[in-house]
Amino acid sequence: SSELTETPIRREAMRPLDQADAEFRFATAVAG
């Protein structure tokens, strides 16, 4: 039987790309 976890994603979490963490920017580079 599975378990459930939930997380809201809120608008104020938005950051300019140059202020995002290195992990976000690198994953974005690889995705592109």
Full PDB file with SEQRES, HELIX, SHEET, SSBOND, CRYST1, ORIGX, SCALE, CONECT and MASTER records, all heavy atoms in Angstrom:
SEQRES   1 A   32  SER SER GLU LEU THR GLU THR PRO ILE ARG ARG GLU ALA          
SEQRES   2 A   32  MET ARG PRO LEU ASP GLN ALA ASP ALA GLU PHE ARG PHE          
SEQRES   3 A   32  ALA THR ALA VAL ALA GLY                                      
HELIX    1 AA1 ARG A   11  ALA A   13  5                                   3    
HELIX    2 AA2 LEU A   17  GLN A   19  5                                   3    
HELIX    3 AA3 ALA A   22  ALA A   31  1                                  10    
CRYST1    1.000    1.000    1.000  90.00  90.00  90.00 P 1           1          
ORIGX1      1.000000  0.000000  0.000000        0.00000                         
ORIGX2      0.000000  1.000000  0.000000        0.00000                         
ORIGX3      0.000000  0.000000  1.000000        0.00000                         
SCALE1      1.000000  0.000000  0.000000        0.00000                         
SCALE2      0.000000  1.000000  0.000000        0.00000                         
SCALE3      0.000000  0.000000  1.000000        0.00000                         
ATOM      1  N   SER A   1       0.849  -1.197   0.000  1.00  0.00           N  
ATOM      2  CA  SER A   1       0.000   0.000   0.000  1.00  0.00           C  
ATOM      3  C   SER A   1       0.882   1.245   0.000  1.00  0.00           C  
ATOM      4  O   SER A   1       1.917   1.297   0.684  1.00  0.00           O  
ATOM      5  CB  SER A   1      -0.913   0.023   1.233  1.00  0.00           C  
ATOM      6  OG  SER A   1      -1.794  -1.090   1.219  1.00  0.00           O  
ATOM      7  N   SER A   2       0.464   2.249  -0.751  1.00  0.00           N  
ATOM      8  CA  SER A   2       1.282   3.457  -0.899  1.00  0.00           C  
ATOM      9  C   SER A   2       0.971   4.487   0.172  1.00  0.00           C  
ATOM     10  O   SER A   2      -0.091   4.462   0.807  1.00  0.00           O  
ATOM     11  CB  SER A   2       1.056   4.072  -2.279  1.00  0.00           C  
ATOM     12  OG  SER A   2      -0.276   4.523  -2.416  1.00  0.00           O  
ATOM     13  N   GLU A   3       1.904   5.413   0.351  1.00  0.00           N  
ATOM     14  CA  GLU A   3       1.735   6.554   1.247  1.00  0.00           C  
ATOM     15  C   GLU A   3       1.715   7.821   0.401  1.00  0.00           C  
ATOM     16  O   GLU A   3       2.272   7.863  -0.695  1.00  0.00           O  
ATOM     17  CB  GLU A   3       2.869   6.600   2.271  1.00  0.00           C  
ATOM     18  CG  GLU A   3       2.966   5.358   3.139  1.00  0.00           C  
ATOM     19  CD  GLU A   3       4.114   5.417   4.134  1.00  0.00           C  
ATOM     20  OE1 GLU A   3       4.498   6.540   4.531  1.00  0.00           O  
ATOM     21  OE2 GLU A   3       4.635   4.355   4.499  1.00  0.00           O  
ATOM     22  N   LEU A   4       1.108   8.861   0.931  1.00  0.00           N  
ATOM     23  CA  LEU A   4       0.926  10.116   0.193  1.00  0.00           C  
ATOM     24  C   LEU A   4       1.630  11.256   0.917  1.00  0.00           C  
ATOM     25  O   LEU A   4       1.554  11.388   2.140  1.00  0.00           O  
ATOM     26  CB  LEU A   4      -0.566  10.439   0.056  1.00  0.00           C  
ATOM     27  CG  LEU A   4      -0.931  11.790  -0.569  1.00  0.00           C  
ATOM     28  CD1 LEU A   4      -0.545  11.814  -2.047  1.00  0.00           C  
ATOM     29  CD2 LEU A   4      -2.434  12.061  -0.401  1.00  0.00           C  
ATOM     30  N   THR A   5       2.319  12.093   0.141  1.00  0.00           N  
ATOM     31  CA  THR A   5       2.864  13.342   0.667  1.00  0.00           C  
ATOM     32  C   THR A   5       2.459  14.467  -0.285  1.00  0.00           C  
ATOM     33  O   THR A   5       2.391  14.270  -1.502  1.00  0.00           O  
ATOM     34  CB  THR A   5       4.396  13.275   0.811  1.00  0.00           C  
ATOM     35  OG1 THR A   5       4.871  14.521   1.332  1.00  0.00           O  
ATOM     36  CG2 THR A   5       5.072  12.996  -0.510  1.00  0.00           C  
ATOM     37  N   GLU A   6       2.159  15.663   0.259  1.00  0.00           N  
ATOM     38  CA  GLU A   6       1.661  16.778  -0.549  1.00  0.00           C  
ATOM     39  C   GLU A   6       2.461  18.044  -0.256  1.00  0.00           C  
ATOM     40  O   GLU A   6       2.886  18.277   0.876  1.00  0.00           O  
ATOM     41  CB  GLU A   6       0.176  17.025  -0.263  1.00  0.00           C  
ATOM     42  CG  GLU A   6      -0.706  15.820  -0.567  1.00  0.00           C  
ATOM     43  CD  GLU A   6      -2.184  16.112  -0.338  1.00  0.00           C  
ATOM     44  OE1 GLU A   6      -2.799  16.738  -1.221  1.00  0.00           O  
ATOM     45  OE2 GLU A   6      -2.696  15.735   0.731  1.00  0.00           O  
ATOM     46  N   THR A   7       2.646  18.848  -1.297  1.00  0.00           N  
ATOM     47  CA  THR A   7       3.417  20.085  -1.180  1.00  0.00           C  
ATOM     48  C   THR A   7       2.782  21.175  -2.044  1.00  0.00           C  
ATOM     49  O   THR A   7       2.656  20.994  -3.261  1.00  0.00           O  
ATOM     50  CB  THR A   7       4.873  19.883  -1.643  1.00  0.00           C  
ATOM     51  OG1 THR A   7       5.463  18.807  -0.910  1.00  0.00           O  
ATOM     52  CG2 THR A   7       5.684  21.158  -1.460  1.00  0.00           C  
ATOM     53  N   PRO A   8       2.347  22.293  -1.477  1.00  0.00           N  
ATOM     54  CA  PRO A   8       1.869  23.402  -2.311  1.00  0.00           C  
ATOM     55  C   PRO A   8       3.044  24.141  -2.954  1.00  0.00           C  
ATOM     56  O   PRO A   8       4.121  24.246  -2.371  1.00  0.00           O  
ATOM     57  CB  PRO A   8       1.128  24.293  -1.311  1.00  0.00           C  
ATOM     58  CG  PRO A   8       1.778  24.004   0.005  1.00  0.00           C  
ATOM     59  CD  PRO A   8       2.217  22.582  -0.034  1.00  0.00           C  
ATOM     60  N   ILE A   9       2.829  24.644  -4.162  1.00  0.00           N  
ATOM     61  CA  ILE A   9       3.851  25.407  -4.876  1.00  0.00           C  
ATOM     62  C   ILE A   9       3.342  26.832  -5.000  1.00  0.00           C  
ATOM     63  O   ILE A   9       2.370  27.101  -5.717  1.00  0.00           O  
ATOM     64  CB  ILE A   9       4.115  24.798  -6.266  1.00  0.00           C  
ATOM     65  CG1 ILE A   9       4.572  23.336  -6.111  1.00  0.00           C  
ATOM     66  CG2 ILE A   9       5.162  25.617  -7.018  1.00  0.00           C  
ATOM     67  CD1 ILE A   9       4.615  22.579  -7.408  1.00  0.00           C  
ATOM     68  N   ARG A  10       3.981  27.753  -4.289  1.00  0.00           N  
ATOM     69  CA  ARG A  10       3.458  29.094  -4.161  1.00  0.00           C  
ATOM     70  C   ARG A  10       4.190  30.080  -5.064  1.00  0.00           C  
ATOM     71  O   ARG A  10       5.381  29.932  -5.352  1.00  0.00           O  
ATOM     72  CB  ARG A  10       3.532  29.544  -2.704  1.00  0.00           C  
ATOM     73  CG  ARG A  10       2.700  28.663  -1.768  1.00  0.00           C  
ATOM     74  CD  ARG A  10       2.745  29.170  -0.337  1.00  0.00           C  
ATOM     75  NE  ARG A  10       2.228  30.526  -0.221  1.00  0.00           N  
ATOM     76  CZ  ARG A  10       0.921  30.837  -0.188  1.00  0.00           C  
ATOM     77  NH1 ARG A  10      -0.002  29.899  -0.269  1.00  0.00           N  
ATOM     78  NH2 ARG A  10       0.553  32.093  -0.073  1.00  0.00           N  
ATOM     79  N   ARG A  11       3.461  31.092  -5.474  1.00  0.00           N  
ATOM     80  CA  ARG A  11       3.961  32.069  -6.434  1.00  0.00           C  
ATOM     81  C   ARG A  11       5.154  32.841  -5.902  1.00  0.00           C  
ATOM     82  O   ARG A  11       6.082  33.181  -6.654  1.00  0.00           O  
ATOM     83  CB  ARG A  11       2.834  33.036  -6.810  1.00  0.00           C  
ATOM     84  CG  ARG A  11       3.173  33.980  -7.930  1.00  0.00           C  
ATOM     85  CD  ARG A  11       1.940  34.735  -8.392  1.00  0.00           C  
ATOM     86  NE  ARG A  11       2.163  35.422  -9.649  1.00  0.00           N  
ATOM     87  CZ  ARG A  11       1.185  35.925 -10.400  1.00  0.00           C  
ATOM     88  NH1 ARG A  11      -0.074  35.802 -10.014  1.00  0.00           N  
ATOM     89  NH2 ARG A  11       1.459  36.540 -11.531  1.00  0.00           N  
ATOM     90  N   GLU A  12       5.189  33.105  -4.600  1.00  0.00           N  
ATOM     91  CA  GLU A  12       6.280  33.923  -4.060  1.00  0.00           C  
ATOM     92  C   GLU A  12       7.626  33.193  -4.063  1.00  0.00           C  
ATOM     93  O   GLU A  12       8.660  33.786  -3.742  1.00  0.00           O  
ATOM     94  CB  GLU A  12       5.954  34.402  -2.640  1.00  0.00           C  
ATOM     95  CG  GLU A  12       5.712  33.289  -1.649  1.00  0.00           C  
ATOM     96  CD  GLU A  12       4.218  33.041  -1.436  1.00  0.00           C  
ATOM     97  OE1 GLU A  12       3.443  33.295  -2.385  1.00  0.00           O  
ATOM     98  OE2 GLU A  12       3.849  32.613  -0.325  1.00  0.00           O  
ATOM     99  N   ALA A  13       7.627  31.909  -4.425  1.00  0.00           N  
ATOM    100  CA  ALA A  13       8.890  31.169  -4.526  1.00  0.00           C  
ATOM    101  C   ALA A  13       9.673  31.541  -5.777  1.00  0.00           C  
ATOM    102  O   ALA A  13      10.826  31.129  -5.926  1.00  0.00           O  
ATOM    103  CB  ALA A  13       8.607  29.662  -4.524  1.00  0.00           C  
ATOM    104  N   MET A  14       9.073  32.333  -6.667  1.00  0.00           N  
ATOM    105  CA  MET A  14       9.733  32.732  -7.914  1.00  0.00           C  
ATOM    106  C   MET A  14      10.974  33.570  -7.630  1.00  0.00           C  
ATOM    107  O   MET A  14      10.965  34.458  -6.782  1.00  0.00           O  
ATOM    108  CB  MET A  14       8.769  33.540  -8.770  1.00  0.00           C  
ATOM    109  CG  MET A  14       9.343  34.003 -10.088  1.00  0.00           C  
ATOM    110  SD  MET A  14       9.241  32.733 -11.329  1.00  0.00           S  
ATOM    111  CE  MET A  14       7.469  32.647 -11.552  1.00  0.00           C  
ATOM    112  N   ARG A  15      12.070  33.250  -8.338  1.00  0.00           N  
ATOM    113  CA  ARG A  15      13.320  33.980  -8.247  1.00  0.00           C  
ATOM    114  C   ARG A  15      13.829  34.266  -9.653  1.00  0.00           C  
ATOM    115  O   ARG A  15      13.619  33.469 -10.571  1.00  0.00           O  
ATOM    116  CB  ARG A  15      14.385  33.170  -7.497  1.00  0.00           C  
ATOM    117  CG  ARG A  15      14.052  32.852  -6.045  1.00  0.00           C  
ATOM    118  CD  ARG A  15      14.158  34.087  -5.158  1.00  0.00           C  
ATOM    119  NE  ARG A  15      13.899  33.763  -3.762  1.00  0.00           N  
ATOM    120  CZ  ARG A  15      12.696  33.747  -3.204  1.00  0.00           C  
ATOM    121  NH1 ARG A  15      11.627  34.007  -3.958  1.00  0.00           N  
ATOM    122  NH2 ARG A  15      12.537  33.457  -1.930  1.00  0.00           N  
ATOM    123  N   PRO A  16      14.545  35.375  -9.868  1.00  0.00           N  
ATOM    124  CA  PRO A  16      15.246  35.540 -11.150  1.00  0.00           C  
ATOM    125  C   PRO A  16      16.229  34.389 -11.338  1.00  0.00           C  
ATOM    126  O   PRO A  16      16.765  33.855 -10.360  1.00  0.00           O  
ATOM    127  CB  PRO A  16      15.975  36.884 -10.989  1.00  0.00           C  
ATOM    128  CG  PRO A  16      15.230  37.589  -9.897  1.00  0.00           C  
ATOM    129  CD  PRO A  16      14.739  36.534  -8.974  1.00  0.00           C  
ATOM    130  N   LEU A  17      16.474  34.018 -12.580  1.00  0.00           N  
ATOM    131  CA  LEU A  17      17.333  32.862 -12.836  1.00  0.00           C  
ATOM    132  C   LEU A  17      18.727  33.054 -12.246  1.00  0.00           C  
ATOM    133  O   LEU A  17      19.310  32.108 -11.696  1.00  0.00           O  
ATOM    134  CB  LEU A  17      17.429  32.598 -14.342  1.00  0.00           C  
ATOM    135  CG  LEU A  17      18.208  31.344 -14.748  1.00  0.00           C  
ATOM    136  CD1 LEU A  17      17.592  30.095 -14.139  1.00  0.00           C  
ATOM    137  CD2 LEU A  17      18.274  31.226 -16.267  1.00  0.00           C  
ATOM    138  N   ASP A  18      19.269  34.264 -12.319  1.00  0.00           N  
ATOM    139  CA  ASP A  18      20.620  34.469 -11.801  1.00  0.00           C  
ATOM    140  C   ASP A  18      20.664  34.439 -10.280  1.00  0.00           C  
ATOM    141  O   ASP A  18      21.751  34.401  -9.688  1.00  0.00           O  
ATOM    142  CB  ASP A  18      21.221  35.771 -12.326  1.00  0.00           C  
ATOM    143  CG  ASP A  18      20.416  37.009 -11.951  1.00  0.00           C  
ATOM    144  OD1 ASP A  18      19.372  36.864 -11.258  1.00  0.00           O  
ATOM    145  OD2 ASP A  18      20.810  38.124 -12.345  1.00  0.00           O  
ATOM    146  N   GLN A  19      19.500  34.444  -9.621  1.00  0.00           N  
ATOM    147  CA  GLN A  19      19.444  34.325  -8.168  1.00  0.00           C  
ATOM    148  C   GLN A  19      19.025  32.928  -7.716  1.00  0.00           C  
ATOM    149  O   GLN A  19      19.001  32.639  -6.523  1.00  0.00           O  
ATOM    150  CB  GLN A  19      18.484  35.364  -7.585  1.00  0.00           C  
ATOM    151  CG  GLN A  19      18.946  36.799  -7.786  1.00  0.00           C  
ATOM    152  CD  GLN A  19      17.968  37.808  -7.200  1.00  0.00           C  
ATOM    153  OE1 GLN A  19      17.167  37.485  -6.319  1.00  0.00           O  
ATOM    154  NE2 GLN A  19      18.039  39.048  -7.685  1.00  0.00           N  
ATOM    155  N   ALA A  20      18.687  32.057  -8.672  1.00  0.00           N  
ATOM    156  CA  ALA A  20      18.350  30.674  -8.333  1.00  0.00           C  
ATOM    157  C   ALA A  20      19.624  29.950  -7.917  1.00  0.00           C  
ATOM    158  O   ALA A  20      20.743  30.359  -8.253  1.00  0.00           O  
ATOM    159  CB  ALA A  20      17.711  29.985  -9.529  1.00  0.00           C  
ATOM    160  N   ASP A  21      19.476  28.847  -7.178  1.00  0.00           N  
ATOM    161  CA  ASP A  21      20.664  28.120  -6.730  1.00  0.00           C  
ATOM    162  C   ASP A  21      21.365  27.457  -7.908  1.00  0.00           C  
ATOM    163  O   ASP A  21      20.802  27.279  -8.993  1.00  0.00           O  
ATOM    164  CB  ASP A  21      20.299  27.090  -5.653  1.00  0.00           C  
ATOM    165  CG  ASP A  21      19.283  26.067  -6.133  1.00  0.00           C  
ATOM    166  OD1 ASP A  21      19.597  25.295  -7.061  1.00  0.00           O  
ATOM    167  OD2 ASP A  21      18.175  26.015  -5.564  1.00  0.00           O  
ATOM    168  N   ALA A  22      22.622  27.092  -7.686  1.00  0.00           N  
ATOM    169  CA  ALA A  22      23.438  26.506  -8.746  1.00  0.00           C  
ATOM    170  C   ALA A  22      22.840  25.210  -9.262  1.00  0.00           C  
ATOM    171  O   ALA A  22      22.957  24.887 -10.458  1.00  0.00           O  
ATOM    172  CB  ALA A  22      24.859  26.264  -8.243  1.00  0.00           C  
ATOM    173  N   GLU A  23      22.179  24.451  -8.394  1.00  0.00           N  
ATOM    174  CA  GLU A  23      21.585  23.180  -8.822  1.00  0.00           C  
ATOM    175  C   GLU A  23      20.470  23.429  -9.847  1.00  0.00           C  
ATOM    176  O   GLU A  23      20.355  22.702 -10.839  1.00  0.00           O  
ATOM    177  CB  GLU A  23      21.028  22.419  -7.614  1.00  0.00           C  
ATOM    178  CG  GLU A  23      21.954  22.351  -6.413  1.00  0.00           C  
ATOM    179  CD  GLU A  23      23.327  21.813  -6.769  1.00  0.00           C  
ATOM    180  OE1 GLU A  23      23.427  20.624  -7.093  1.00  0.00           O  
ATOM    181  OE2 GLU A  23      24.301  22.591  -6.731  1.00  0.00           O  
ATOM    182  N   PHE A  24      19.663  24.453  -9.596  1.00  0.00           N  
ATOM    183  CA  PHE A  24      18.584  24.811 -10.532  1.00  0.00           C  
ATOM    184  C   PHE A  24      19.177  25.244 -11.872  1.00  0.00           C  
ATOM    185  O   PHE A  24      18.744  24.783 -12.941  1.00  0.00           O  
ATOM    186  CB  PHE A  24      17.746  25.943  -9.928  1.00  0.00           C  
ATOM    187  CG  PHE A  24      16.474  26.255 -10.680  1.00  0.00           C  
ATOM    188  CD1 PHE A  24      15.234  26.026 -10.092  1.00  0.00           C  
ATOM    189  CD2 PHE A  24      16.499  26.779 -11.969  1.00  0.00           C  
ATOM    190  CE1 PHE A  24      14.060  26.310 -10.777  1.00  0.00           C  
ATOM    191  CE2 PHE A  24      15.338  27.056 -12.660  1.00  0.00           C  
ATOM    192  CZ  PHE A  24      14.108  26.825 -12.059  1.00  0.00           C  
ATOM    193  N   ARG A  25      20.163  26.123 -11.817  1.00  0.00           N  
ATOM    194  CA  ARG A  25      20.726  26.648 -13.060  1.00  0.00           C  
ATOM    195  C   ARG A  25      21.415  25.553 -13.868  1.00  0.00           C  
ATOM    196  O   ARG A  25      21.300  25.502 -15.094  1.00  0.00           O  
ATOM    197  CB  ARG A  25      21.711  27.793 -12.762  1.00  0.00           C  
ATOM    198  CG  ARG A  25      21.073  28.995 -12.067  1.00  0.00           C  
ATOM    199  CD  ARG A  25      21.966  30.230 -12.142  1.00  0.00           C  
ATOM    200  NE  ARG A  25      23.324  29.979 -11.682  1.00  0.00           N  
ATOM    201  CZ  ARG A  25      23.726  30.056 -10.421  1.00  0.00           C  
ATOM    202  NH1 ARG A  25      22.839  30.370  -9.466  1.00  0.00           N  
ATOM    203  NH2 ARG A  25      24.994  29.843 -10.092  1.00  0.00           N  
ATOM    204  N   PHE A  26      22.135  24.660 -13.187  1.00  0.00           N  
ATOM    205  CA  PHE A  26      22.827  23.606 -13.931  1.00  0.00           C  
ATOM    206  C   PHE A  26      21.822  22.629 -14.554  1.00  0.00           C  
ATOM    207  O   PHE A  26      21.969  22.244 -15.726  1.00  0.00           O  
ATOM    208  CB  PHE A  26      23.798  22.842 -13.030  1.00  0.00           C  
ATOM    209  CG  PHE A  26      24.640  21.865 -13.790  1.00  0.00           C  
ATOM    210  CD1 PHE A  26      25.773  22.279 -14.475  1.00  0.00           C  
ATOM    211  CD2 PHE A  26      24.288  20.522 -13.855  1.00  0.00           C  
ATOM    212  CE1 PHE A  26      26.536  21.387 -15.210  1.00  0.00           C  
ATOM    213  CE2 PHE A  26      25.045  19.615 -14.583  1.00  0.00           C  
ATOM    214  CZ  PHE A  26      26.172  20.051 -15.260  1.00  0.00           C  
ATOM    215  N   ALA A  27      20.806  22.221 -13.803  1.00  0.00           N  
ATOM    216  CA  ALA A  27      19.781  21.329 -14.361  1.00  0.00           C  
ATOM    217  C   ALA A  27      19.094  21.983 -15.556  1.00  0.00           C  
ATOM    218  O   ALA A  27      18.772  21.310 -16.550  1.00  0.00           O  
ATOM    219  CB  ALA A  27      18.761  20.966 -13.283  1.00  0.00           C  
ATOM    220  N   THR A  28      18.866  23.291 -15.473  1.00  0.00           N  
ATOM    221  CA  THR A  28      18.253  24.020 -16.588  1.00  0.00           C  
ATOM    222  C   THR A  28      19.167  23.998 -17.812  1.00  0.00           C  
ATOM    223  O   THR A  28      18.705  23.807 -18.943  1.00  0.00           O  
ATOM    224  CB  THR A  28      17.968  25.472 -16.172  1.00  0.00           C  
ATOM    225  OG1 THR A  28      17.029  25.474 -15.095  1.00  0.00           O  
ATOM    226  CG2 THR A  28      17.398  26.279 -17.329  1.00  0.00           C  
ATOM    227  N   ALA A  29      20.474  24.178 -17.600  1.00  0.00           N  
ATOM    228  CA  ALA A  29      21.424  24.139 -18.710  1.00  0.00           C  
ATOM    229  C   ALA A  29      21.403  22.773 -19.398  1.00  0.00           C  
ATOM    230  O   ALA A  29      21.398  22.674 -20.632  1.00  0.00           O  
ATOM    231  CB  ALA A  29      22.834  24.467 -18.215  1.00  0.00           C  
ATOM    232  N   VAL A  30      21.381  21.701 -18.603  1.00  0.00           N  
ATOM    233  CA  VAL A  30      21.361  20.347 -19.170  1.00  0.00           C  
ATOM    234  C   VAL A  30      20.048  20.102 -19.899  1.00  0.00           C  
ATOM    235  O   VAL A  30      20.022  19.494 -20.978  1.00  0.00           O  
ATOM    236  CB  VAL A  30      21.590  19.296 -18.070  1.00  0.00           C  
ATOM    237  CG1 VAL A  30      21.520  17.890 -18.657  1.00  0.00           C  
ATOM    238  CG2 VAL A  30      22.931  19.510 -17.389  1.00  0.00           C  
ATOM    239  N   ALA A  31      18.944  20.591 -19.322  1.00  0.00           N  
ATOM    240  CA  ALA A  31      17.642  20.428 -19.969  1.00  0.00           C  
ATOM    241  C   ALA A  31      17.608  21.135 -21.316  1.00  0.00           C  
ATOM    242  O   ALA A  31      17.093  20.598 -22.308  1.00  0.00           O  
ATOM    243  CB  ALA A  31      16.530  20.963 -19.063  1.00  0.00           C  
ATOM    244  N   GLY A  32      18.154  22.351 -21.369  1.00  0.00           N  
ATOM    245  CA  GLY A  32      18.200  23.065 -22.636  1.00  0.00           C  
ATOM    246  C   GLY A  32      19.102  22.373 -23.645  1.00  0.00           C  
ATOM    247  O   GLY A  32      18.763  22.254 -24.829  1.00  0.00           O  
TER     248      GLY A  32                                                      
MASTER        0    0    0    3    0    0    0    6  247    1    0    3          
END                                                                             
